[in-house]
Amino acid sequence: GGSLRLSCAADVSAFRFYVMGWFRQTPGKQREWVAWITGGDS
C-alpha cells in the first residue's frame, strides 16, 4: 500500500530523442516491461 519514486539519470547528449522506459525482473522470470515515455511525453 505504500509508495516509492524511482529515478533514472541519463548521461546522453540528445536525451529528448530517446524513448525511455522502466522494466522489472524477479529471479527466474523474464524481464517485464512496465512503462515507457516518449520525448513528447506520450
PDB file of all heavy atoms in Angstrom:
ATOM      1  N   GLY A   1       0.789  -1.217   0.000  1.00  0.00           N
ATOM      2  CA  GLY A   1       0.000   0.000   0.000  1.00  0.00           C
ATOM      3  C   GLY A   1       0.819   1.263   0.000  1.00  0.00           C
ATOM      4  O   GLY A   1       0.265   2.357  -0.191  1.00  0.00           O
ATOM      5  N   GLY A   2       2.110   1.137   0.193  1.00  0.00           N
ATOM      6  CA  GLY A   2       2.985   2.285   0.235  1.00  0.00           C
ATOM      7  C   GLY A   2       3.412   2.753  -1.139  1.00  0.00           C
ATOM      8  O   GLY A   2       2.971   2.237  -2.163  1.00  0.00           O
ATOM      9  N   SER A   3       4.306   3.736  -1.146  1.00  0.00           N
ATOM     10  CA  SER A   3       4.757   4.359  -2.385  1.00  0.00           C
ATOM     11  C   SER A   3       6.272   4.478  -2.424  1.00  0.00           C
ATOM     12  O   SER A   3       6.933   4.578  -1.383  1.00  0.00           O
ATOM     13  CB  SER A   3       4.151   5.762  -2.533  1.00  0.00           C
ATOM     14  OG  SER A   3       2.741   5.723  -2.606  1.00  0.00           O
ATOM     15  N   LEU A   4       6.801   4.468  -3.622  1.00  0.00           N
ATOM     16  CA  LEU A   4       8.198   4.749  -3.884  1.00  0.00           C
ATOM     17  C   LEU A   4       8.294   5.537  -5.173  1.00  0.00           C
ATOM     18  O   LEU A   4       7.441   5.407  -6.054  1.00  0.00           O
ATOM     19  CB  LEU A   4       9.029   3.474  -4.031  1.00  0.00           C
ATOM     20  CG  LEU A   4       9.413   2.685  -2.785  1.00  0.00           C
ATOM     21  CD1 LEU A   4      10.106   1.391  -3.204  1.00  0.00           C
ATOM     22  CD2 LEU A   4      10.319   3.503  -1.880  1.00  0.00           C
ATOM     23  N   ARG A   5       9.341   6.335  -5.284  1.00  0.00           N
ATOM     24  CA  ARG A   5       9.614   7.060  -6.516  1.00  0.00           C
ATOM     25  C   ARG A   5      11.013   6.701  -6.985  1.00  0.00           C
ATOM     26  O   ARG A   5      11.992   6.974  -6.294  1.00  0.00           O
ATOM     27  CB  ARG A   5       9.498   8.569  -6.314  1.00  0.00           C
ATOM     28  CG  ARG A   5       9.574   9.367  -7.618  1.00  0.00           C
ATOM     29  CD  ARG A   5       9.381  10.862  -7.372  1.00  0.00           C
ATOM     30  NE  ARG A   5       9.330  11.619  -8.609  1.00  0.00           N
ATOM     31  CZ  ARG A   5       8.220  11.910  -9.269  1.00  0.00           C
ATOM     32  NH1 ARG A   5       7.034  11.502  -8.796  1.00  0.00           N
ATOM     33  NH2 ARG A   5       8.271  12.608 -10.398  1.00  0.00           N
ATOM     34  N   LEU A   6      11.089   6.084  -8.153  1.00  0.00           N
ATOM     35  CA  LEU A   6      12.354   5.736  -8.753  1.00  0.00           C
ATOM     36  C   LEU A   6      12.794   6.829  -9.711  1.00  0.00           C
ATOM     37  O   LEU A   6      11.962   7.489 -10.337  1.00  0.00           O
ATOM     38  CB  LEU A   6      12.260   4.416  -9.527  1.00  0.00           C
ATOM     39  CG  LEU A   6      11.707   3.212  -8.772  1.00  0.00           C
ATOM     40  CD1 LEU A   6      11.739   1.984  -9.678  1.00  0.00           C
ATOM     41  CD2 LEU A   6      12.497   2.957  -7.497  1.00  0.00           C
ATOM     42  N   SER A   7      14.086   7.002  -9.833  1.00  0.00           N
ATOM     43  CA  SER A   7      14.619   7.987 -10.746  1.00  0.00           C
ATOM     44  C   SER A   7      15.754   7.375 -11.552  1.00  0.00           C
ATOM     45  O   SER A   7      16.498   6.532 -11.055  1.00  0.00           O
ATOM     46  CB  SER A   7      15.121   9.221  -9.990  1.00  0.00           C
ATOM     47  OG  SER A   7      15.534  10.238 -10.883  1.00  0.00           O
ATOM     48  N   CYS A   8      15.874   7.795 -12.791  1.00  0.00           N
ATOM     49  CA  CYS A   8      16.932   7.343 -13.683  1.00  0.00           C
ATOM     50  C   CYS A   8      17.598   8.562 -14.284  1.00  0.00           C
ATOM     51  O   CYS A   8      16.929   9.378 -14.935  1.00  0.00           O
ATOM     52  CB  CYS A   8      16.355   6.450 -14.779  1.00  0.00           C
ATOM     53  SG  CYS A   8      17.515   5.987 -16.077  1.00  0.00           S
ATOM     54  N   ALA A   9      18.888   8.688 -14.069  1.00  0.00           N
ATOM     55  CA  ALA A   9      19.668   9.777 -14.640  1.00  0.00           C
ATOM     56  C   ALA A   9      20.420   9.267 -15.862  1.00  0.00           C
ATOM     57  O   ALA A   9      21.102   8.242 -15.791  1.00  0.00           O
ATOM     58  CB  ALA A   9      20.642  10.335 -13.612  1.00  0.00           C
ATOM     59  N   ALA A  10      20.294   9.971 -16.973  1.00  0.00           N
ATOM     60  CA  ALA A  10      20.874   9.536 -18.245  1.00  0.00           C
ATOM     61  C   ALA A  10      22.033  10.421 -18.651  1.00  0.00           C
ATOM     62  O   ALA A  10      21.883  11.642 -18.762  1.00  0.00           O
ATOM     63  CB  ALA A  10      19.815   9.534 -19.338  1.00  0.00           C
ATOM     64  N   ASP A  11      23.168   9.813 -18.888  1.00  0.00           N
ATOM     65  CA  ASP A  11      24.327  10.505 -19.430  1.00  0.00           C
ATOM     66  C   ASP A  11      24.262  10.349 -20.941  1.00  0.00           C
ATOM     67  O   ASP A  11      24.782   9.389 -21.503  1.00  0.00           O
ATOM     68  CB  ASP A  11      25.618   9.921 -18.861  1.00  0.00           C
ATOM     69  CG  ASP A  11      26.864  10.596 -19.405  1.00  0.00           C
ATOM     70  OD1 ASP A  11      26.749  11.666 -20.023  1.00  0.00           O
ATOM     71  OD2 ASP A  11      27.969  10.051 -19.194  1.00  0.00           O
ATOM     72  N   VAL A  12      23.606  11.297 -21.602  1.00  0.00           N
ATOM     73  CA  VAL A  12      23.376  11.218 -23.033  1.00  0.00           C
ATOM     74  C   VAL A  12      23.317  12.628 -23.602  1.00  0.00           C
ATOM     75  O   VAL A  12      22.838  13.558 -22.946  1.00  0.00           O
ATOM     76  CB  VAL A  12      22.073  10.442 -23.342  1.00  0.00           C
ATOM     77  CG1 VAL A  12      20.877  11.118 -22.675  1.00  0.00           C
ATOM     78  CG2 VAL A  12      21.838  10.301 -24.837  1.00  0.00           C
ATOM     79  N   SER A  13      23.774  12.776 -24.846  1.00  0.00           N
ATOM     80  CA  SER A  13      23.853  14.107 -25.442  1.00  0.00           C
ATOM     81  C   SER A  13      22.540  14.592 -26.040  1.00  0.00           C
ATOM     82  O   SER A  13      22.355  15.793 -26.216  1.00  0.00           O
ATOM     83  CB  SER A  13      24.938  14.135 -26.520  1.00  0.00           C
ATOM     84  OG  SER A  13      24.647  13.227 -27.562  1.00  0.00           O
ATOM     85  N   ALA A  14      21.636  13.675 -26.373  1.00  0.00           N
ATOM     86  CA  ALA A  14      20.370  14.044 -27.003  1.00  0.00           C
ATOM     87  C   ALA A  14      19.222  13.298 -26.330  1.00  0.00           C
ATOM     88  O   ALA A  14      18.491  12.539 -26.972  1.00  0.00           O
ATOM     89  CB  ALA A  14      20.412  13.758 -28.490  1.00  0.00           C
ATOM     90  N   PHE A  15      19.057  13.550 -25.060  1.00  0.00           N
ATOM     91  CA  PHE A  15      18.084  12.819 -24.253  1.00  0.00           C
ATOM     92  C   PHE A  15      16.675  12.896 -24.823  1.00  0.00           C
ATOM     93  O   PHE A  15      15.937  11.911 -24.794  1.00  0.00           O
ATOM     94  CB  PHE A  15      18.110  13.353 -22.821  1.00  0.00           C
ATOM     95  CG  PHE A  15      17.141  12.685 -21.898  1.00  0.00           C
ATOM     96  CD1 PHE A  15      17.407  11.433 -21.382  1.00  0.00           C
ATOM     97  CD2 PHE A  15      15.963  13.318 -21.538  1.00  0.00           C
ATOM     98  CE1 PHE A  15      16.523  10.808 -20.520  1.00  0.00           C
ATOM     99  CE2 PHE A  15      15.063  12.710 -20.676  1.00  0.00           C
ATOM    100  CZ  PHE A  15      15.348  11.447 -20.168  1.00  0.00           C
ATOM    101  N   ARG A  16      16.283  14.029 -25.359  1.00  0.00           N
ATOM    102  CA  ARG A  16      14.904  14.222 -25.798  1.00  0.00           C
ATOM    103  C   ARG A  16      14.508  13.306 -26.943  1.00  0.00           C
ATOM    104  O   ARG A  16      13.319  13.105 -27.182  1.00  0.00           O
ATOM    105  CB  ARG A  16      14.661  15.680 -26.179  1.00  0.00           C
ATOM    106  CG  ARG A  16      15.370  16.136 -27.440  1.00  0.00           C
ATOM    107  CD  ARG A  16      15.139  17.632 -27.654  1.00  0.00           C
ATOM    108  NE  ARG A  16      15.754  18.106 -28.882  1.00  0.00           N
ATOM    109  CZ  ARG A  16      15.135  18.174 -30.046  1.00  0.00           C
ATOM    110  NH1 ARG A  16      13.861  17.783 -30.150  1.00  0.00           N
ATOM    111  NH2 ARG A  16      15.762  18.628 -31.113  1.00  0.00           N
ATOM    112  N   PHE A  17      15.473  12.737 -27.661  1.00  0.00           N
ATOM    113  CA  PHE A  17      15.183  11.840 -28.763  1.00  0.00           C
ATOM    114  C   PHE A  17      14.970  10.396 -28.323  1.00  0.00           C
ATOM    115  O   PHE A  17      14.514   9.573 -29.111  1.00  0.00           O
ATOM    116  CB  PHE A  17      16.302  11.878 -29.802  1.00  0.00           C
ATOM    117  CG  PHE A  17      16.385  13.181 -30.538  1.00  0.00           C
ATOM    118  CD1 PHE A  17      17.530  13.952 -30.477  1.00  0.00           C
ATOM    119  CD2 PHE A  17      15.325  13.626 -31.298  1.00  0.00           C
ATOM    120  CE1 PHE A  17      17.619  15.155 -31.166  1.00  0.00           C
ATOM    121  CE2 PHE A  17      15.399  14.824 -31.988  1.00  0.00           C
ATOM    122  CZ  PHE A  17      16.543  15.589 -31.923  1.00  0.00           C
ATOM    123  N   TYR A  18      15.302  10.078 -27.083  1.00  0.00           N
ATOM    124  CA  TYR A  18      15.206   8.707 -26.598  1.00  0.00           C
ATOM    125  C   TYR A  18      13.825   8.407 -26.042  1.00  0.00           C
ATOM    126  O   TYR A  18      13.240   9.215 -25.318  1.00  0.00           O
ATOM    127  CB  TYR A  18      16.247   8.457 -25.510  1.00  0.00           C
ATOM    128  CG  TYR A  18      17.645   8.270 -26.024  1.00  0.00           C
ATOM    129  CD1 TYR A  18      18.426   9.357 -26.382  1.00  0.00           C
ATOM    130  CD2 TYR A  18      18.185   6.990 -26.146  1.00  0.00           C
ATOM    131  CE1 TYR A  18      19.710   9.184 -26.864  1.00  0.00           C
ATOM    132  CE2 TYR A  18      19.471   6.809 -26.617  1.00  0.00           C
ATOM    133  CZ  TYR A  18      20.231   7.908 -26.975  1.00  0.00           C
ATOM    134  OH  TYR A  18      21.511   7.725 -27.443  1.00  0.00           O
ATOM    135  N   VAL A  19      13.319   7.230 -26.403  1.00  0.00           N
ATOM    136  CA  VAL A  19      12.176   6.677 -25.699  1.00  0.00           C
ATOM    137  C   VAL A  19      12.725   6.022 -24.432  1.00  0.00           C
ATOM    138  O   VAL A  19      13.608   5.162 -24.501  1.00  0.00           O
ATOM    139  CB  VAL A  19      11.413   5.654 -26.546  1.00  0.00           C
ATOM    140  CG1 VAL A  19      10.303   5.010 -25.724  1.00  0.00           C
ATOM    141  CG2 VAL A  19      10.835   6.326 -27.783  1.00  0.00           C
ATOM    142  N   MET A  20      12.208   6.439 -23.300  1.00  0.00           N
ATOM    143  CA  MET A  20      12.675   5.938 -22.016  1.00  0.00           C
ATOM    144  C   MET A  20      11.639   4.996 -21.425  1.00  0.00           C
ATOM    145  O   MET A  20      10.435   5.214 -21.553  1.00  0.00           O
ATOM    146  CB  MET A  20      12.940   7.090 -21.054  1.00  0.00           C
ATOM    147  CG  MET A  20      13.941   8.114 -21.563  1.00  0.00           C
ATOM    148  SD  MET A  20      15.584   7.399 -21.838  1.00  0.00           S
ATOM    149  CE  MET A  20      16.004   6.894 -20.161  1.00  0.00           C
ATOM    150  N   GLY A  21      12.117   3.964 -20.776  1.00  0.00           N
ATOM    151  CA  GLY A  21      11.204   3.002 -20.200  1.00  0.00           C
ATOM    152  C   GLY A  21      11.699   2.428 -18.897  1.00  0.00           C
ATOM    153  O   GLY A  21      12.872   2.564 -18.530  1.00  0.00           O
ATOM    154  N   TRP A  22      10.775   1.803 -18.203  1.00  0.00           N
ATOM    155  CA  TRP A  22      11.079   1.044 -16.997  1.00  0.00           C
ATOM    156  C   TRP A  22      10.663  -0.403 -17.197  1.00  0.00           C
ATOM    157  O   TRP A  22       9.573  -0.685 -17.704  1.00  0.00           O
ATOM    158  CB  TRP A  22      10.361   1.608 -15.771  1.00  0.00           C
ATOM    159  CG  TRP A  22      10.929   2.896 -15.284  1.00  0.00           C
ATOM    160  CD1 TRP A  22      10.501   4.153 -15.578  1.00  0.00           C
ATOM    161  CD2 TRP A  22      12.043   3.054 -14.402  1.00  0.00           C
ATOM    162  NE1 TRP A  22      11.269   5.086 -14.935  1.00  0.00           N
ATOM    163  CE2 TRP A  22      12.228   4.441 -14.207  1.00  0.00           C
ATOM    164  CE3 TRP A  22      12.906   2.166 -13.755  1.00  0.00           C
ATOM    165  CZ2 TRP A  22      13.241   4.958 -13.395  1.00  0.00           C
ATOM    166  CZ3 TRP A  22      13.910   2.672 -12.953  1.00  0.00           C
ATOM    167  CH2 TRP A  22      14.066   4.051 -12.781  1.00  0.00           C
ATOM    168  N   PHE A  23      11.545  -1.308 -16.802  1.00  0.00           N
ATOM    169  CA  PHE A  23      11.295  -2.739 -16.822  1.00  0.00           C
ATOM    170  C   PHE A  23      11.574  -3.281 -15.439  1.00  0.00           C
ATOM    171  O   PHE A  23      12.237  -2.631 -14.626  1.00  0.00           O
ATOM    172  CB  PHE A  23      12.197  -3.447 -17.849  1.00  0.00           C
ATOM    173  CG  PHE A  23      11.860  -3.162 -19.282  1.00  0.00           C
ATOM    174  CD1 PHE A  23      12.060  -1.904 -19.831  1.00  0.00           C
ATOM    175  CD2 PHE A  23      11.354  -4.166 -20.099  1.00  0.00           C
ATOM    176  CE1 PHE A  23      11.762  -1.639 -21.155  1.00  0.00           C
ATOM    177  CE2 PHE A  23      11.053  -3.919 -21.429  1.00  0.00           C
ATOM    178  CZ  PHE A  23      11.255  -2.650 -21.954  1.00  0.00           C
ATOM    179  N   ARG A  24      11.088  -4.477 -15.171  1.00  0.00           N
ATOM    180  CA  ARG A  24      11.366  -5.097 -13.885  1.00  0.00           C
ATOM    181  C   ARG A  24      11.578  -6.592 -14.070  1.00  0.00           C
ATOM    182  O   ARG A  24      11.073  -7.205 -15.007  1.00  0.00           O
ATOM    183  CB  ARG A  24      10.253  -4.829 -12.873  1.00  0.00           C
ATOM    184  CG  ARG A  24       8.898  -5.414 -13.242  1.00  0.00           C
ATOM    185  CD  ARG A  24       7.829  -4.888 -12.288  1.00  0.00           C
ATOM    186  NE  ARG A  24       6.520  -5.466 -12.560  1.00  0.00           N
ATOM    187  CZ  ARG A  24       5.406  -5.100 -11.949  1.00  0.00           C
ATOM    188  NH1 ARG A  24       5.433  -4.150 -11.016  1.00  0.00           N
ATOM    189  NH2 ARG A  24       4.256  -5.688 -12.267  1.00  0.00           N
ATOM    190  N   GLN A  25      12.324  -7.178 -13.132  1.00  0.00           N
ATOM    191  CA  GLN A  25      12.675  -8.581 -13.238  1.00  0.00           C
ATOM    192  C   GLN A  25      12.828  -9.200 -11.857  1.00  0.00           C
ATOM    193  O   GLN A  25      13.440  -8.609 -10.971  1.00  0.00           O
ATOM    194  CB  GLN A  25      13.971  -8.747 -14.024  1.00  0.00           C
ATOM    195  CG  GLN A  25      14.331 -10.189 -14.356  1.00  0.00           C
ATOM    196  CD  GLN A  25      15.478 -10.274 -15.338  1.00  0.00           C
ATOM    197  OE1 GLN A  25      16.336  -9.386 -15.383  1.00  0.00           O
ATOM    198  NE2 GLN A  25      15.492 -11.323 -16.136  1.00  0.00           N
ATOM    199  N   THR A  26      12.257 -10.397 -11.692  1.00  0.00           N
ATOM    200  CA  THR A  26      12.440 -11.184 -10.484  1.00  0.00           C
ATOM    201  C   THR A  26      13.218 -12.441 -10.841  1.00  0.00           C
ATOM    202  O   THR A  26      13.228 -12.865 -12.009  1.00  0.00           O
ATOM    203  CB  THR A  26      11.091 -11.565  -9.851  1.00  0.00           C
ATOM    204  OG1 THR A  26      10.299 -12.289 -10.806  1.00  0.00           O
ATOM    205  CG2 THR A  26      10.320 -10.324  -9.422  1.00  0.00           C
ATOM    206  N   PRO A  27      13.882 -13.075  -9.866  1.00  0.00           N
ATOM    207  CA  PRO A  27      14.674 -14.271 -10.170  1.00  0.00           C
ATOM    208  C   PRO A  27      13.859 -15.353 -10.855  1.00  0.00           C
ATOM    209  O   PRO A  27      12.741 -15.669 -10.438  1.00  0.00           O
ATOM    210  CB  PRO A  27      15.157 -14.729  -8.793  1.00  0.00           C
ATOM    211  CG  PRO A  27      15.206 -13.469  -7.993  1.00  0.00           C
ATOM    212  CD  PRO A  27      14.025 -12.669  -8.461  1.00  0.00           C
ATOM    213  N   GLY A  28      14.396 -15.909 -11.928  1.00  0.00           N
ATOM    214  CA  GLY A  28      13.742 -16.979 -12.649  1.00  0.00           C
ATOM    215  C   GLY A  28      12.665 -16.543 -13.623  1.00  0.00           C
ATOM    216  O   GLY A  28      12.023 -17.401 -14.234  1.00  0.00           O
ATOM    217  N   LYS A  29      12.456 -15.253 -13.767  1.00  0.00           N
ATOM    218  CA  LYS A  29      11.427 -14.748 -14.668  1.00  0.00           C
ATOM    219  C   LYS A  29      12.035 -13.853 -15.736  1.00  0.00           C
ATOM    220  O   LYS A  29      13.113 -13.287 -15.561  1.00  0.00           O
ATOM    221  CB  LYS A  29      10.361 -13.972 -13.895  1.00  0.00           C
ATOM    222  CG  LYS A  29       9.568 -14.803 -12.910  1.00  0.00           C
ATOM    223  CD  LYS A  29       8.535 -13.968 -12.181  1.00  0.00           C
ATOM    224  CE  LYS A  29       7.458 -13.461 -13.124  1.00  0.00           C
ATOM    225  NZ  LYS A  29       6.404 -12.690 -12.414  1.00  0.00           N
ATOM    226  N   GLN A  30      11.313 -13.712 -16.843  1.00  0.00           N
ATOM    227  CA  GLN A  30      11.718 -12.814 -17.908  1.00  0.00           C
ATOM    228  C   GLN A  30      11.587 -11.369 -17.445  1.00  0.00           C
ATOM    229  O   GLN A  30      10.733 -11.048 -16.616  1.00  0.00           O
ATOM    230  CB  GLN A  30      10.854 -13.030 -19.150  1.00  0.00           C
ATOM    231  CG  GLN A  30      11.049 -14.364 -19.838  1.00  0.00           C
ATOM    232  CD  GLN A  30      12.312 -14.396 -20.654  1.00  0.00           C
ATOM    233  OE1 GLN A  30      12.745 -13.380 -21.200  1.00  0.00           O
ATOM    234  NE2 GLN A  30      12.924 -15.566 -20.756  1.00  0.00           N
ATOM    235  N   ARG A  31      12.421 -10.533 -17.989  1.00  0.00           N
ATOM    236  CA  ARG A  31      12.301  -9.123 -17.708  1.00  0.00           C
ATOM    237  C   ARG A  31      10.986  -8.609 -18.300  1.00  0.00           C
ATOM    238  O   ARG A  31      10.668  -8.862 -19.464  1.00  0.00           O
ATOM    239  CB  ARG A  31      13.490  -8.353 -18.275  1.00  0.00           C
ATOM    240  CG  ARG A  31      13.551  -6.899 -17.843  1.00  0.00           C
ATOM    241  CD  ARG A  31      14.896  -6.270 -18.180  1.00  0.00           C
ATOM    242  NE  ARG A  31      15.983  -6.884 -17.444  1.00  0.00           N
ATOM    243  CZ  ARG A  31      17.243  -6.482 -17.507  1.00  0.00           C
ATOM    244  NH1 ARG A  31      17.570  -5.467 -18.290  1.00  0.00           N
ATOM    245  NH2 ARG A  31      18.169  -7.111 -16.807  1.00  0.00           N
ATOM    246  N   GLU A  32      10.225  -7.888 -17.505  1.00  0.00           N
ATOM    247  CA  GLU A  32       8.887  -7.444 -17.862  1.00  0.00           C
ATOM    248  C   GLU A  32       8.863  -5.945 -18.103  1.00  0.00           C
ATOM    249  O   GLU A  32       9.359  -5.163 -17.287  1.00  0.00           O
ATOM    250  CB  GLU A  32       7.908  -7.802 -16.733  1.00  0.00           C
ATOM    251  CG  GLU A  32       6.500  -7.268 -16.915  1.00  0.00           C
ATOM    252  CD  GLU A  32       5.651  -7.413 -15.662  1.00  0.00           C
ATOM    253  OE1 GLU A  32       6.228  -7.466 -14.551  1.00  0.00           O
ATOM    254  OE2 GLU A  32       4.418  -7.484 -15.789  1.00  0.00           O
ATOM    255  N   TRP A  33       8.254  -5.547 -19.209  1.00  0.00           N
ATOM    256  CA  TRP A  33       8.065  -4.136 -19.473  1.00  0.00           C
ATOM    257  C   TRP A  33       7.033  -3.558 -18.514  1.00  0.00           C
ATOM    258  O   TRP A  33       6.000  -4.173 -18.254  1.00  0.00           O
ATOM    259  CB  TRP A  33       7.595  -3.928 -20.922  1.00  0.00           C
ATOM    260  CG  TRP A  33       7.100  -2.548 -21.193  1.00  0.00           C
ATOM    261  CD1 TRP A  33       7.829  -1.400 -21.261  1.00  0.00           C
ATOM    262  CD2 TRP A  33       5.744  -2.166 -21.432  1.00  0.00           C
ATOM    263  NE1 TRP A  33       7.024  -0.324 -21.527  1.00  0.00           N
ATOM    264  CE2 TRP A  33       5.732  -0.772 -21.635  1.00  0.00           C
ATOM    265  CE3 TRP A  33       4.541  -2.865 -21.500  1.00  0.00           C
ATOM    266  CZ2 TRP A  33       4.562  -0.061 -21.899  1.00  0.00           C
ATOM    267  CZ3 TRP A  33       3.375  -2.172 -21.765  1.00  0.00           C
ATOM    268  CH2 TRP A  33       3.395  -0.785 -21.954  1.00  0.00           C
ATOM    269  N   VAL A  34       7.300  -2.384 -17.990  1.00  0.00           N
ATOM    270  CA  VAL A  34       6.401  -1.713 -17.059  1.00  0.00           C
ATOM    271  C   VAL A  34       5.774  -0.477 -17.692  1.00  0.00           C
ATOM    272  O   VAL A  34       4.554  -0.313 -17.670  1.00  0.00           O
ATOM    273  CB  VAL A  34       7.132  -1.329 -15.758  1.00  0.00           C
ATOM    274  CG1 VAL A  34       6.216  -0.532 -14.837  1.00  0.00           C
ATOM    275  CG2 VAL A  34       7.644  -2.582 -15.049  1.00  0.00           C
ATOM    276  N   ALA A  35       6.595   0.404 -18.233  1.00  0.00           N
ATOM    277  CA  ALA A  35       6.092   1.656 -18.785  1.00  0.00           C
ATOM    278  C   ALA A  35       7.121   2.263 -19.725  1.00  0.00           C
ATOM    279  O   ALA A  35       8.311   1.985 -19.610  1.00  0.00           O
ATOM    280  CB  ALA A  35       5.770   2.654 -17.665  1.00  0.00           C
ATOM    281  N   TRP A  36       6.656   3.097 -20.649  1.00  0.00           N
ATOM    282  CA  TRP A  36       7.559   3.881 -21.473  1.00  0.00           C
ATOM    283  C   TRP A  36       7.014   5.286 -21.652  1.00  0.00           C
ATOM    284  O   TRP A  36       5.815   5.529 -21.473  1.00  0.00           O
ATOM    285  CB  TRP A  36       7.884   3.232 -22.820  1.00  0.00           C
ATOM    286  CG  TRP A  36       6.743   2.882 -23.753  1.00  0.00           C
ATOM    287  CD1 TRP A  36       6.299   1.625 -24.037  1.00  0.00           C
ATOM    288  CD2 TRP A  36       5.957   3.780 -24.555  1.00  0.00           C
ATOM    289  NE1 TRP A  36       5.277   1.682 -24.960  1.00  0.00           N
ATOM    290  CE2 TRP A  36       5.044   2.989 -25.298  1.00  0.00           C
ATOM    291  CE3 TRP A  36       5.928   5.159 -24.725  1.00  0.00           C
ATOM    292  CZ2 TRP A  36       4.117   3.546 -26.189  1.00  0.00           C
ATOM    293  CZ3 TRP A  36       4.995   5.711 -25.608  1.00  0.00           C
ATOM    294  CH2 TRP A  36       4.115   4.906 -26.328  1.00  0.00           C
ATOM    295  N   ILE A  37       7.896   6.178 -22.031  1.00  0.00           N
ATOM    296  CA  ILE A  37       7.538   7.568 -22.277  1.00  0.00           C
ATOM    297  C   ILE A  37       8.398   8.106 -23.406  1.00  0.00           C
ATOM    298  O   ILE A  37       9.608   7.890 -23.453  1.00  0.00           O
ATOM    299  CB  ILE A  37       7.686   8.412 -20.987  1.00  0.00           C
ATOM    300  CG1 ILE A  37       7.220   9.850 -21.226  1.00  0.00           C
ATOM    301  CG2 ILE A  37       9.116   8.385 -20.455  1.00  0.00           C
ATOM    302  CD1 ILE A  37       7.057  10.645 -19.941  1.00  0.00           C
ATOM    303  N   THR A  38       7.765   8.810 -24.342  1.00  0.00           N
ATOM    304  CA  THR A  38       8.488   9.411 -25.455  1.00  0.00           C
ATOM    305  C   THR A  38       9.014  10.781 -25.066  1.00  0.00           C
ATOM    306  O   THR A  38       8.676  11.328 -24.021  1.00  0.00           O
ATOM    307  CB  THR A  38       7.590   9.554 -26.686  1.00  0.00           C
ATOM    308  OG1 THR A  38       6.605  10.567 -26.439  1.00  0.00           O
ATOM    309  CG2 THR A  38       6.894   8.241 -27.017  1.00  0.00           C
ATOM    310  N   GLY A  39       9.821  11.353 -25.949  1.00  0.00           N
ATOM    311  CA  GLY A  39      10.321  12.696 -25.712  1.00  0.00           C
ATOM    312  C   GLY A  39       9.235  13.742 -25.660  1.00  0.00           C
ATOM    313  O   GLY A  39       9.432  14.801 -25.059  1.00  0.00           O
ATOM    314  N   GLY A  40       8.094  13.457 -26.284  1.00  0.00           N
ATOM    315  CA  GLY A  40       6.947  14.344 -26.247  1.00  0.00           C
ATOM    316  C   GLY A  40       5.950  14.021 -25.155  1.00  0.00           C
ATOM    317  O   GLY A  40       4.837  14.536 -25.179  1.00  0.00           O
ATOM    318  N   ASP A  41       6.333  13.159 -24.225  1.00  0.00           N
ATOM    319  CA  ASP A  41       5.554  12.827 -23.029  1.00  0.00           C
ATOM    320  C   ASP A  41       4.351  11.931 -23.294  1.00  0.00           C
ATOM    321  O   ASP A  41       3.446  11.852 -22.462  1.00  0.00           O
ATOM    322  CB  ASP A  41       5.103  14.082 -22.286  1.00  0.00           C
ATOM    323  CG  ASP A  41       6.243  14.823 -21.624  1.00  0.00           C
ATOM    324  OD1 ASP A  41       7.271  14.187 -21.330  1.00  0.00           O
ATOM    325  OD2 ASP A  41       6.104  16.042 -21.404  1.00  0.00           O
ATOM    326  N   SER A  42       4.318  11.234 -24.435  1.00  0.00           N
ATOM    327  CA  SER A  42       3.337  10.173 -24.603  1.00  0.00           C
ATOM    328  C   SER A  42       3.754   8.992 -23.742  1.00  0.00           C
ATOM    329  O   SER A  42       4.939   8.651 -23.683  1.00  0.00           O
ATOM    330  CB  SER A  42       3.241   9.734 -26.063  1.00  0.00           C
ATOM    331  OG  SER A  42       2.746  10.783 -26.874  1.00  0.00           O
TER     332      SER A  42
END
